């Protein structure tokens, strides 16, 4: 997180381990198999900072999320994170 956003976080729990090819839109096959690991984290410090991998960094209210890059993050991924944030006792999701 620090490298890509400028924020220090503490990992709280695993939310999901997903096979990216099982969740459309599919990524190009030339990339091979991709697995997405999602963690619930707690913000502990730092400040928003762009990097070679990120052009902008920001925090958003649930009601004001920007348009997603569905090649990277699906609406269902955001919903799953919010569900685990509200109920941290949920078990992780696995494909």
PDB file of N, CA and C in Angstrom:
ATOM      1  N   UNK A   1       0.827  -1.190   0.000  1.00  0.00           N
ATOM      2  CA  UNK A   1       0.000   0.000   0.000  1.00  0.00           C
ATOM      3  C   UNK A   1       0.867   1.248   0.000  1.00  0.00           C
ATOM      4  N   UNK A   2       1.922   1.233   0.782  1.00  0.00           N
ATOM      5  CA  UNK A   2       2.773   2.416   0.867  1.00  0.00           C
ATOM      6  C   UNK A   2       3.330   2.789  -0.505  1.00  0.00           C
ATOM      7  N   UNK A   3       3.838   1.797  -1.224  1.00  0.00           N
ATOM      8  CA  UNK A   3       4.445   2.055  -2.530  1.00  0.00           C
ATOM      9  C   UNK A   3       3.446   2.629  -3.531  1.00  0.00           C
ATOM     10  N   UNK A   4       2.212   2.139  -3.520  1.00  0.00           N
ATOM     11  CA  UNK A   4       1.246   2.551  -4.528  1.00  0.00           C
ATOM     12  C   UNK A   4       0.354   3.704  -4.115  1.00  0.00           C
ATOM     13  N   UNK A   5       0.235   3.960  -2.795  1.00  0.00           N
ATOM     14  CA  UNK A   5      -0.717   4.987  -2.360  1.00  0.00           C
ATOM     15  C   UNK A   5      -0.148   6.038  -1.406  1.00  0.00           C
ATOM     16  N   UNK A   6       0.961   5.720  -0.738  1.00  0.00           N
ATOM     17  CA  UNK A   6       1.506   6.626   0.268  1.00  0.00           C
ATOM     18  C   UNK A   6       0.955   6.374   1.663  1.00  0.00           C
ATOM     19  N   UNK A   7       0.064   5.383   1.797  1.00  0.00           N
ATOM     20  CA  UNK A   7      -0.552   5.089   3.092  1.00  0.00           C
ATOM     21  C   UNK A   7       0.072   3.859   3.741  1.00  0.00           C
ATOM     22  N   UNK A   8       0.215   3.914   5.047  1.00  0.00           N
ATOM     23  CA  UNK A   8       0.600   2.758   5.850  1.00  0.00           C
ATOM     24  C   UNK A   8      -0.685   2.086   6.315  1.00  0.00           C
ATOM     25  N   UNK A   9      -0.724   0.760   6.203  1.00  0.00           N
ATOM     26  CA  UNK A   9      -1.905   0.022   6.645  1.00  0.00           C
ATOM     27  C   UNK A   9      -1.469  -1.191   7.457  1.00  0.00           C
ATOM     28  N   UNK A  10      -2.434  -1.697   8.218  1.00  0.00           N
ATOM     29  CA  UNK A  10      -2.261  -2.951   8.942  1.00  0.00           C
ATOM     30  C   UNK A  10      -3.285  -3.920   8.371  1.00  0.00           C
ATOM     31  N   UNK A  11      -2.828  -5.090   7.933  1.00  0.00           N
ATOM     32  CA  UNK A  11      -3.741  -6.091   7.400  1.00  0.00           C
ATOM     33  C   UNK A  11      -4.560  -6.682   8.535  1.00  0.00           C
ATOM     34  N   UNK A  12      -5.871  -6.680   8.357  1.00  0.00           N
ATOM     35  CA  UNK A  12      -6.791  -7.184   9.375  1.00  0.00           C
ATOM     36  C   UNK A  12      -7.208  -8.614   9.073  1.00  0.00           C
ATOM     37  N   UNK A  13      -7.554  -8.896   7.804  1.00  0.00           N
ATOM     38  CA  UNK A  13      -7.987 -10.245   7.441  1.00  0.00           C
ATOM     39  C   UNK A  13      -8.009 -10.423   5.933  1.00  0.00           C
ATOM     40  N   UNK A  14      -8.011 -11.679   5.519  1.00  0.00           N
ATOM     41  CA  UNK A  14      -8.208 -12.035   4.117  1.00  0.00           C
ATOM     42  C   UNK A  14      -9.696 -11.957   3.809  1.00  0.00           C
ATOM     43  N   UNK A  15     -10.044 -11.236   2.742  1.00  0.00           N
ATOM     44  CA  UNK A  15     -11.438 -11.152   2.303  1.00  0.00           C
ATOM     45  C   UNK A  15     -11.716 -12.187   1.217  1.00  0.00           C
ATOM     46  N   UNK A  16     -10.823 -12.274   0.227  1.00  0.00           N
ATOM     47  CA  UNK A  16     -11.111 -13.172  -0.900  1.00  0.00           C
ATOM     48  C   UNK A  16      -9.844 -13.585  -1.635  1.00  0.00           C
ATOM     49  N   UNK A  17      -9.919 -14.772  -2.218  1.00  0.00           N
ATOM     50  CA  UNK A  17      -8.937 -15.268  -3.173  1.00  0.00           C
ATOM     51  C   UNK A  17      -9.747 -15.712  -4.378  1.00  0.00           C
ATOM     52  N   UNK A  18      -9.625 -14.972  -5.486  1.00  0.00           N
ATOM     53  CA  UNK A  18     -10.479 -15.193  -6.647  1.00  0.00           C
ATOM     54  C   UNK A  18      -9.648 -15.475  -7.893  1.00  0.00           C
ATOM     55  N   UNK A  19     -10.147 -16.420  -8.693  1.00  0.00           N
ATOM     56  CA  UNK A  19      -9.595 -16.689 -10.009  1.00  0.00           C
ATOM     57  C   UNK A  19     -10.169 -15.627 -10.939  1.00  0.00           C
ATOM     58  N   UNK A  20      -9.343 -14.715 -11.411  1.00  0.00           N
ATOM     59  CA  UNK A  20      -9.814 -13.573 -12.204  1.00  0.00           C
ATOM     60  C   UNK A  20     -10.524 -14.011 -13.478  1.00  0.00           C
ATOM     61  N   UNK A  21     -10.168 -15.183 -14.006  1.00  0.00           N
ATOM     62  CA  UNK A  21     -10.809 -15.667 -15.237  1.00  0.00           C
ATOM     63  C   UNK A  21     -12.217 -16.185 -14.994  1.00  0.00           C
ATOM     64  N   UNK A  22     -12.597 -16.373 -13.754  1.00  0.00           N
ATOM     65  CA  UNK A  22     -13.946 -16.839 -13.436  1.00  0.00           C
ATOM     66  C   UNK A  22     -14.922 -15.678 -13.269  1.00  0.00           C
ATOM     67  N   UNK A  23     -14.425 -14.453 -13.389  1.00  0.00           N
ATOM     68  CA  UNK A  23     -15.251 -13.270 -13.162  1.00  0.00           C
ATOM     69  C   UNK A  23     -15.104 -12.298 -14.330  1.00  0.00           C
ATOM     70  N   UNK A  24     -16.037 -12.330 -15.295  1.00  0.00           N
ATOM     71  CA  UNK A  24     -15.963 -11.411 -16.444  1.00  0.00           C
ATOM     72  C   UNK A  24     -15.974  -9.953 -15.997  1.00  0.00           C
ATOM     73  N   UNK A  25     -15.424  -9.011 -16.761  1.00  0.00           N
ATOM     74  CA  UNK A  25     -14.805  -9.263 -18.058  1.00  0.00           C
ATOM     75  C   UNK A  25     -13.452  -9.937 -17.891  1.00  0.00           C
ATOM     76  N   UNK A  26     -13.178 -10.879 -18.769  1.00  0.00           N
ATOM     77  CA  UNK A  26     -11.940 -11.641 -18.698  1.00  0.00           C
ATOM     78  C   UNK A  26     -10.755 -10.790 -19.135  1.00  0.00           C
ATOM     79  N   UNK A  27      -9.628 -11.080 -18.556  1.00  0.00           N
ATOM     80  CA  UNK A  27      -8.392 -10.423 -18.976  1.00  0.00           C
ATOM     81  C   UNK A  27      -7.795 -11.219 -20.127  1.00  0.00           C
ATOM     82  N   UNK A  28      -6.951 -10.605 -20.927  1.00  0.00           N
ATOM     83  CA  UNK A  28      -6.366 -11.312 -22.075  1.00  0.00           C
ATOM     84  C   UNK A  28      -5.660 -12.600 -21.654  1.00  0.00           C
ATOM     85  N   UNK A  29      -5.857 -13.653 -22.413  1.00  0.00           N
ATOM     86  CA  UNK A  29      -5.243 -14.957 -22.125  1.00  0.00           C
ATOM     87  C   UNK A  29      -3.718 -14.881 -22.129  1.00  0.00           C
ATOM     88  N   UNK A  30      -3.157 -13.949 -22.872  1.00  0.00           N
ATOM     89  CA  UNK A  30      -1.695 -13.843 -22.943  1.00  0.00           C
ATOM     90  C   UNK A  30      -1.085 -13.553 -21.578  1.00  0.00           C
ATOM     91  N   UNK A  31      -1.909 -13.092 -20.646  1.00  0.00           N
ATOM     92  CA  UNK A  31      -1.413 -12.822 -19.302  1.00  0.00           C
ATOM     93  C   UNK A  31      -1.358 -14.087 -18.450  1.00  0.00           C
ATOM     94  N   UNK A  32      -1.895 -15.192 -18.957  1.00  0.00           N
ATOM     95  CA  UNK A  32      -1.920 -16.417 -18.177  1.00  0.00           C
ATOM     96  C   UNK A  32      -2.979 -16.353 -17.093  1.00  0.00           C
ATOM     97  N   UNK A  33      -2.848 -17.180 -16.108  1.00  0.00           N
ATOM     98  CA  UNK A  33      -3.818 -17.243 -15.011  1.00  0.00           C
ATOM     99  C   UNK A  33      -3.509 -16.138 -14.006  1.00  0.00           C
ATOM    100  N   UNK A  34      -4.544 -15.426 -13.571  1.00  0.00           N
ATOM    101  CA  UNK A  34      -4.383 -14.346 -12.600  1.00  0.00           C
ATOM    102  C   UNK A  34      -5.290 -14.626 -11.414  1.00  0.00           C
ATOM    103  N   UNK A  35      -4.735 -14.546 -10.231  1.00  0.00           N
ATOM    104  CA  UNK A  35      -5.520 -14.699  -9.003  1.00  0.00           C
ATOM    105  C   UNK A  35      -5.495 -13.378  -8.264  1.00  0.00           C
ATOM    106  N   UNK A  36      -6.649 -12.961  -7.814  1.00  0.00           N
ATOM    107  CA  UNK A  36      -6.779 -11.697  -7.102  1.00  0.00           C
ATOM    108  C   UNK A  36      -6.959 -11.995  -5.620  1.00  0.00           C
ATOM    109  N   UNK A  37      -6.103 -11.399  -4.795  1.00  0.00           N
ATOM    110  CA  UNK A  37      -6.186 -11.558  -3.348  1.00  0.00           C
ATOM    111  C   UNK A  37      -6.606 -10.215  -2.762  1.00  0.00           C
ATOM    112  N   UNK A  38      -7.679 -10.225  -1.979  1.00  0.00           N
ATOM    113  CA  UNK A  38      -8.215  -8.997  -1.393  1.00  0.00           C
ATOM    114  C   UNK A  38      -8.131  -9.092   0.124  1.00  0.00           C
ATOM    115  N   UNK A  39      -7.580  -8.044   0.737  1.00  0.00           N
ATOM    116  CA  UNK A  39      -7.439  -7.991   2.180  1.00  0.00           C
ATOM    117  C   UNK A  39      -8.219  -6.814   2.745  1.00  0.00           C
ATOM    118  N   UNK A  40      -8.730  -6.971   3.951  1.00  0.00           N
ATOM    119  CA  UNK A  40      -9.289  -5.856   4.707  1.00  0.00           C
ATOM    120  C   UNK A  40      -8.139  -5.263   5.501  1.00  0.00           C
ATOM    121  N   UNK A  41      -7.921  -3.974   5.357  1.00  0.00           N
ATOM    122  CA  UNK A  41      -6.811  -3.303   6.026  1.00  0.00           C
ATOM    123  C   UNK A  41      -7.305  -2.116   6.836  1.00  0.00           C
ATOM    124  N   UNK A  42      -6.516  -1.751   7.806  1.00  0.00           N
ATOM    125  CA  UNK A  42      -6.794  -0.587   8.641  1.00  0.00           C
ATOM    126  C   UNK A  42      -5.748   0.482   8.318  1.00  0.00           C
ATOM    127  N   UNK A  43      -6.194   1.682   8.031  1.00  0.00           N
ATOM    128  CA  UNK A  43      -5.295   2.798   7.749  1.00  0.00           C
ATOM    129  C   UNK A  43      -4.619   3.233   9.048  1.00  0.00           C
ATOM    130  N   UNK A  44      -3.268   3.252   9.053  1.00  0.00           N
ATOM    131  CA  UNK A  44      -2.563   3.628  10.281  1.00  0.00           C
ATOM    132  C   UNK A  44      -1.670   4.853  10.114  1.00  0.00           C
ATOM    133  N   UNK A  45      -1.543   5.366   8.885  1.00  0.00           N
ATOM    134  CA  UNK A  45      -0.725   6.563   8.709  1.00  0.00           C
ATOM    135  C   UNK A  45      -0.401   6.838   7.260  1.00  0.00           C
ATOM    136  N   UNK A  46       0.443   7.823   7.072  1.00  0.00           N
ATOM    137  CA  UNK A  46       0.865   8.219   5.739  1.00  0.00           C
ATOM    138  C   UNK A  46      -0.045   9.272   5.148  1.00  0.00           C
ATOM    139  N   UNK A  47       0.204   9.584   3.896  1.00  0.00           N
ATOM    140  CA  UNK A  47      -0.629  10.551   3.181  1.00  0.00           C
ATOM    141  C   UNK A  47      -0.666  10.175   1.713  1.00  0.00           C
ATOM    142  N   UNK A  48      -1.739  10.558   1.041  1.00  0.00           N
ATOM    143  CA  UNK A  48      -1.925  10.217  -0.365  1.00  0.00           C
ATOM    144  C   UNK A  48      -0.748  10.709  -1.199  1.00  0.00           C
ATOM    145  N   UNK A  49      -0.193   9.784  -2.002  1.00  0.00           N
ATOM    146  CA  UNK A  49       0.937  10.124  -2.866  1.00  0.00           C
ATOM    147  C   UNK A  49       0.890   9.243  -4.112  1.00  0.00           C
ATOM    148  N   UNK A  50       0.996   9.843  -5.282  1.00  0.00           N
ATOM    149  CA  UNK A  50       1.023   9.064  -6.520  1.00  0.00           C
ATOM    150  C   UNK A  50       2.391   8.400  -6.661  1.00  0.00           C
ATOM    151  N   UNK A  51       2.471   7.469  -7.610  1.00  0.00           N
ATOM    152  CA  UNK A  51       3.724   6.748  -7.844  1.00  0.00           C
ATOM    153  C   UNK A  51       3.820   6.396  -9.318  1.00  0.00           C
ATOM    154  N   UNK A  52       4.817   5.635  -9.662  1.00  0.00           N
ATOM    155  CA  UNK A  52       4.962   5.192 -11.046  1.00  0.00           C
ATOM    156  C   UNK A  52       3.776   4.306 -11.461  1.00  0.00           C
ATOM    157  N   UNK A  53       3.107   3.670 -10.485  1.00  0.00           N
ATOM    158  CA  UNK A  53       1.971   2.786 -10.770  1.00  0.00           C
ATOM    159  C   UNK A  53       0.621   3.464 -10.601  1.00  0.00           C
ATOM    160  N   UNK A  54       0.575   4.613  -9.962  1.00  0.00           N
ATOM    161  CA  UNK A  54      -0.701   5.290  -9.713  1.00  0.00           C
ATOM    162  C   UNK A  54      -0.576   6.767 -10.063  1.00  0.00           C
ATOM    163  N   UNK A  55      -1.518   7.256 -10.866  1.00  0.00           N
ATOM    164  CA  UNK A  55      -1.475   8.667 -11.255  1.00  0.00           C
ATOM    165  C   UNK A  55      -2.170   9.553 -10.227  1.00  0.00           C
ATOM    166  N   UNK A  56      -3.138   8.988  -9.503  1.00  0.00           N
ATOM    167  CA  UNK A  56      -3.856   9.744  -8.473  1.00  0.00           C
ATOM    168  C   UNK A  56      -4.237   8.805  -7.342  1.00  0.00           C
ATOM    169  N   UNK A  57      -4.325   9.351  -6.145  1.00  0.00           N
ATOM    170  CA  UNK A  57      -4.733   8.579  -4.972  1.00  0.00           C
ATOM    171  C   UNK A  57      -5.788   9.390  -4.242  1.00  0.00           C
ATOM    172  N   UNK A  58      -6.850   8.719  -3.801  1.00  0.00           N
ATOM    173  CA  UNK A  58      -7.882   9.424  -3.050  1.00  0.00           C
ATOM    174  C   UNK A  58      -8.710   8.464  -2.221  1.00  0.00           C
ATOM    175  N   UNK A  59      -9.363   8.998  -1.227  1.00  0.00           N
ATOM    176  CA  UNK A  59     -10.309   8.248  -0.409  1.00  0.00           C
ATOM    177  C   UNK A  59     -11.702   8.755  -0.746  1.00  0.00           C
ATOM    178  N   UNK A  60     -12.659   7.840  -0.864  1.00  0.00           N
ATOM    179  CA  UNK A  60     -13.998   8.202  -1.328  1.00  0.00           C
ATOM    180  C   UNK A  60     -15.060   7.629  -0.406  1.00  0.00           C
ATOM    181  N   UNK A  61     -16.129   8.363  -0.237  1.00  0.00           N
ATOM    182  CA  UNK A  61     -17.296   7.835   0.463  1.00  0.00           C
ATOM    183  C   UNK A  61     -17.950   6.789  -0.429  1.00  0.00           C
ATOM    184  N   UNK A  62     -18.619   5.850   0.185  1.00  0.00           N
ATOM    185  CA  UNK A  62     -19.300   4.787  -0.560  1.00  0.00           C
ATOM    186  C   UNK A  62     -20.240   5.360  -1.611  1.00  0.00           C
ATOM    187  N   UNK A  63     -20.906   6.441  -1.290  1.00  0.00           N
ATOM    188  CA  UNK A  63     -21.877   7.042  -2.203  1.00  0.00           C
ATOM    189  C   UNK A  63     -21.232   7.864  -3.311  1.00  0.00           C
ATOM    190  N   UNK A  64     -19.918   8.018  -3.272  1.00  0.00           N
ATOM    191  CA  UNK A  64     -19.247   8.858  -4.264  1.00  0.00           C
ATOM    192  C   UNK A  64     -18.045   8.162  -4.907  1.00  0.00           C
ATOM    193  N   UNK A  65     -18.141   6.844  -5.082  1.00  0.00           N
ATOM    194  CA  UNK A  65     -17.040   6.119  -5.699  1.00  0.00           C
ATOM    195  C   UNK A  65     -16.889   6.537  -7.166  1.00  0.00           C
ATOM    196  N   UNK A  66     -15.659   6.682  -7.638  1.00  0.00           N
ATOM    197  CA  UNK A  66     -15.458   7.011  -9.059  1.00  0.00           C
ATOM    198  C   UNK A  66     -15.744   5.796  -9.940  1.00  0.00           C
ATOM    199  N   UNK A  67     -15.807   6.010 -11.238  1.00  0.00           N
ATOM    200  CA  UNK A  67     -15.998   4.910 -12.181  1.00  0.00           C
ATOM    201  C   UNK A  67     -14.842   3.931 -12.025  1.00  0.00           C
ATOM    202  N   UNK A  68     -15.149   2.647 -12.012  1.00  0.00           N
ATOM    203  CA  UNK A  68     -14.129   1.625 -11.817  1.00  0.00           C
ATOM    204  C   UNK A  68     -13.470   1.233 -13.135  1.00  0.00           C
ATOM    205  N   UNK A  69     -12.219   0.838 -13.055  1.00  0.00           N
ATOM    206  CA  UNK A  69     -11.529   0.215 -14.171  1.00  0.00           C
ATOM    207  C   UNK A  69     -11.815  -1.282 -14.051  1.00  0.00           C
ATOM    208  N   UNK A  70     -12.853  -1.770 -14.750  1.00  0.00           N
ATOM    209  CA  UNK A  70     -13.304  -3.140 -14.552  1.00  0.00           C
ATOM    210  C   UNK A  70     -12.280  -4.185 -14.986  1.00  0.00           C
ATOM    211  N   UNK A  71     -11.244  -3.793 -15.678  1.00  0.00           N
ATOM    212  CA  UNK A  71     -10.139  -4.703 -15.954  1.00  0.00           C
ATOM    213  C   UNK A  71      -9.348  -5.000 -14.695  1.00  0.00           C
ATOM    214  N   UNK A  72      -9.520  -4.168 -13.681  1.00  0.00           N
ATOM    215  CA  UNK A  72      -8.792  -4.327 -12.420  1.00  0.00           C
ATOM    216  C   UNK A  72      -9.716  -4.613 -11.239  1.00  0.00           C
ATOM    217  N   UNK A  73     -10.819  -3.877 -11.150  1.00  0.00           N
ATOM    218  CA  UNK A  73     -11.708  -3.977  -9.994  1.00  0.00           C
ATOM    219  C   UNK A  73     -13.158  -4.020 -10.451  1.00  0.00           C
ATOM    220  N   UNK A  74     -13.862  -5.036 -10.004  1.00  0.00           N
ATOM    221  CA  UNK A  74     -15.265  -5.194 -10.351  1.00  0.00           C
ATOM    222  C   UNK A  74     -16.154  -4.626  -9.244  1.00  0.00           C
ATOM    223  N   UNK A  75     -17.353  -4.234  -9.611  1.00  0.00           N
ATOM    224  CA  UNK A  75     -18.328  -3.746  -8.639  1.00  0.00           C
ATOM    225  C   UNK A  75     -18.551  -4.786  -7.546  1.00  0.00           C
ATOM    226  N   UNK A  76     -18.574  -6.067  -7.924  1.00  0.00           N
ATOM    227  CA  UNK A  76     -18.767  -7.138  -6.942  1.00  0.00           C
ATOM    228  C   UNK A  76     -17.611  -7.201  -5.942  1.00  0.00           C
ATOM    229  N   UNK A  77     -16.398  -6.820  -6.357  1.00  0.00           N
ATOM    230  CA  UNK A  77     -15.254  -6.792  -5.435  1.00  0.00           C
ATOM    231  C   UNK A  77     -15.441  -5.711  -4.375  1.00  0.00           C
ATOM    232  N   UNK A  78     -15.903  -4.542  -4.803  1.00  0.00           N
ATOM    233  CA  UNK A  78     -16.151  -3.435  -3.866  1.00  0.00           C
ATOM    234  C   UNK A  78     -17.253  -3.835  -2.886  1.00  0.00           C
ATOM    235  N   UNK A  79     -18.314  -4.451  -3.385  1.00  0.00           N
ATOM    236  CA  UNK A  79     -19.417  -4.889  -2.524  1.00  0.00           C
ATOM    237  C   UNK A  79     -18.927  -5.896  -1.482  1.00  0.00           C
ATOM    238  N   UNK A  80     -18.057  -6.805  -1.887  1.00  0.00           N
ATOM    239  CA  UNK A  80     -17.514  -7.801  -0.969  1.00  0.00           C
ATOM    240  C   UNK A  80     -16.657  -7.147   0.117  1.00  0.00           C
ATOM    241  N   UNK A  81     -15.834  -6.188  -0.260  1.00  0.00           N
ATOM    242  CA  UNK A  81     -15.017  -5.460   0.719  1.00  0.00           C
ATOM    243  C   UNK A  81     -15.908  -4.737   1.730  1.00  0.00           C
ATOM    244  N   UNK A  82     -16.922  -4.053   1.234  1.00  0.00           N
ATOM    245  CA  UNK A  82     -17.826  -3.320   2.135  1.00  0.00           C
ATOM    246  C   UNK A  82     -18.571  -4.273   3.068  1.00  0.00           C
ATOM    247  N   UNK A  83     -18.966  -5.434   2.545  1.00  0.00           N
ATOM    248  CA  UNK A  83     -19.655  -6.427   3.369  1.00  0.00           C
ATOM    249  C   UNK A  83     -18.742  -6.909   4.505  1.00  0.00           C
ATOM    250  N   UNK A  84     -17.479  -7.167   4.203  1.00  0.00           N
ATOM    251  CA  UNK A  84     -16.522  -7.614   5.220  1.00  0.00           C
ATOM    252  C   UNK A  84     -16.161  -6.480   6.187  1.00  0.00           C
ATOM    253  N   UNK A  85     -16.144  -5.266   5.697  1.00  0.00           N
ATOM    254  CA  UNK A  85     -15.882  -4.124   6.579  1.00  0.00           C
ATOM    255  C   UNK A  85     -16.994  -4.000   7.619  1.00  0.00           C
ATOM    256  N   UNK A  86     -18.230  -4.200   7.180  1.00  0.00           N
ATOM    257  CA  UNK A  86     -19.378  -4.086   8.079  1.00  0.00           C
ATOM    258  C   UNK A  86     -19.526  -5.308   8.986  1.00  0.00           C
ATOM    259  N   UNK A  87     -19.047  -6.459   8.539  1.00  0.00           N
ATOM    260  CA  UNK A  87     -19.159  -7.686   9.324  1.00  0.00           C
ATOM    261  C   UNK A  87     -17.839  -8.455   9.250  1.00  0.00           C
ATOM    262  N   UNK A  88     -16.836  -8.066  10.047  1.00  0.00           N
ATOM    263  CA  UNK A  88     -15.508  -8.679   9.964  1.00  0.00           C
ATOM    264  C   UNK A  88     -15.459 -10.159  10.348  1.00  0.00           C
ATOM    265  N   UNK A  89     -16.543 -10.722  10.859  1.00  0.00           N
ATOM    266  CA  UNK A  89     -16.543 -12.139  11.222  1.00  0.00           C
ATOM    267  C   UNK A  89     -16.870 -13.042  10.032  1.00  0.00           C
ATOM    268  N   UNK A  90     -17.198 -12.465   8.876  1.00  0.00           N
ATOM    269  CA  UNK A  90     -17.475 -13.279   7.681  1.00  0.00           C
ATOM    270  C   UNK A  90     -16.247 -14.084   7.296  1.00  0.00           C
ATOM    271  N   UNK A  91     -16.479 -15.270   6.768  1.00  0.00           N
ATOM    272  CA  UNK A  91     -15.380 -16.100   6.269  1.00  0.00           C
ATOM    273  C   UNK A  91     -14.888 -15.575   4.925  1.00  0.00           C
ATOM    274  N   UNK A  92     -13.623 -15.791   4.599  1.00  0.00           N
ATOM    275  CA  UNK A  92     -13.112 -15.381   3.292  1.00  0.00           C
ATOM    276  C   UNK A  92     -13.827 -16.106   2.161  1.00  0.00           C
ATOM    277  N   UNK A  93     -13.867 -15.458   0.994  1.00  0.00           N
ATOM    278  CA  UNK A  93     -14.454 -16.027  -0.215  1.00  0.00           C
ATOM    279  C   UNK A  93     -13.325 -16.681  -1.019  1.00  0.00           C
ATOM    280  N   UNK A  94     -13.553 -17.901  -1.506  1.00  0.00           N
ATOM    281  CA  UNK A  94     -12.606 -18.577  -2.372  1.00  0.00           C
ATOM    282  C   UNK A  94     -13.348 -19.099  -3.591  1.00  0.00           C
ATOM    283  N   UNK A  95     -12.749 -18.995  -4.763  1.00  0.00           N
ATOM    284  CA  UNK A  95     -13.321 -19.606  -5.977  1.00  0.00           C
ATOM    285  C   UNK A  95     -13.075 -21.097  -5.930  1.00  0.00           C
TER     286      UNK A  95
END
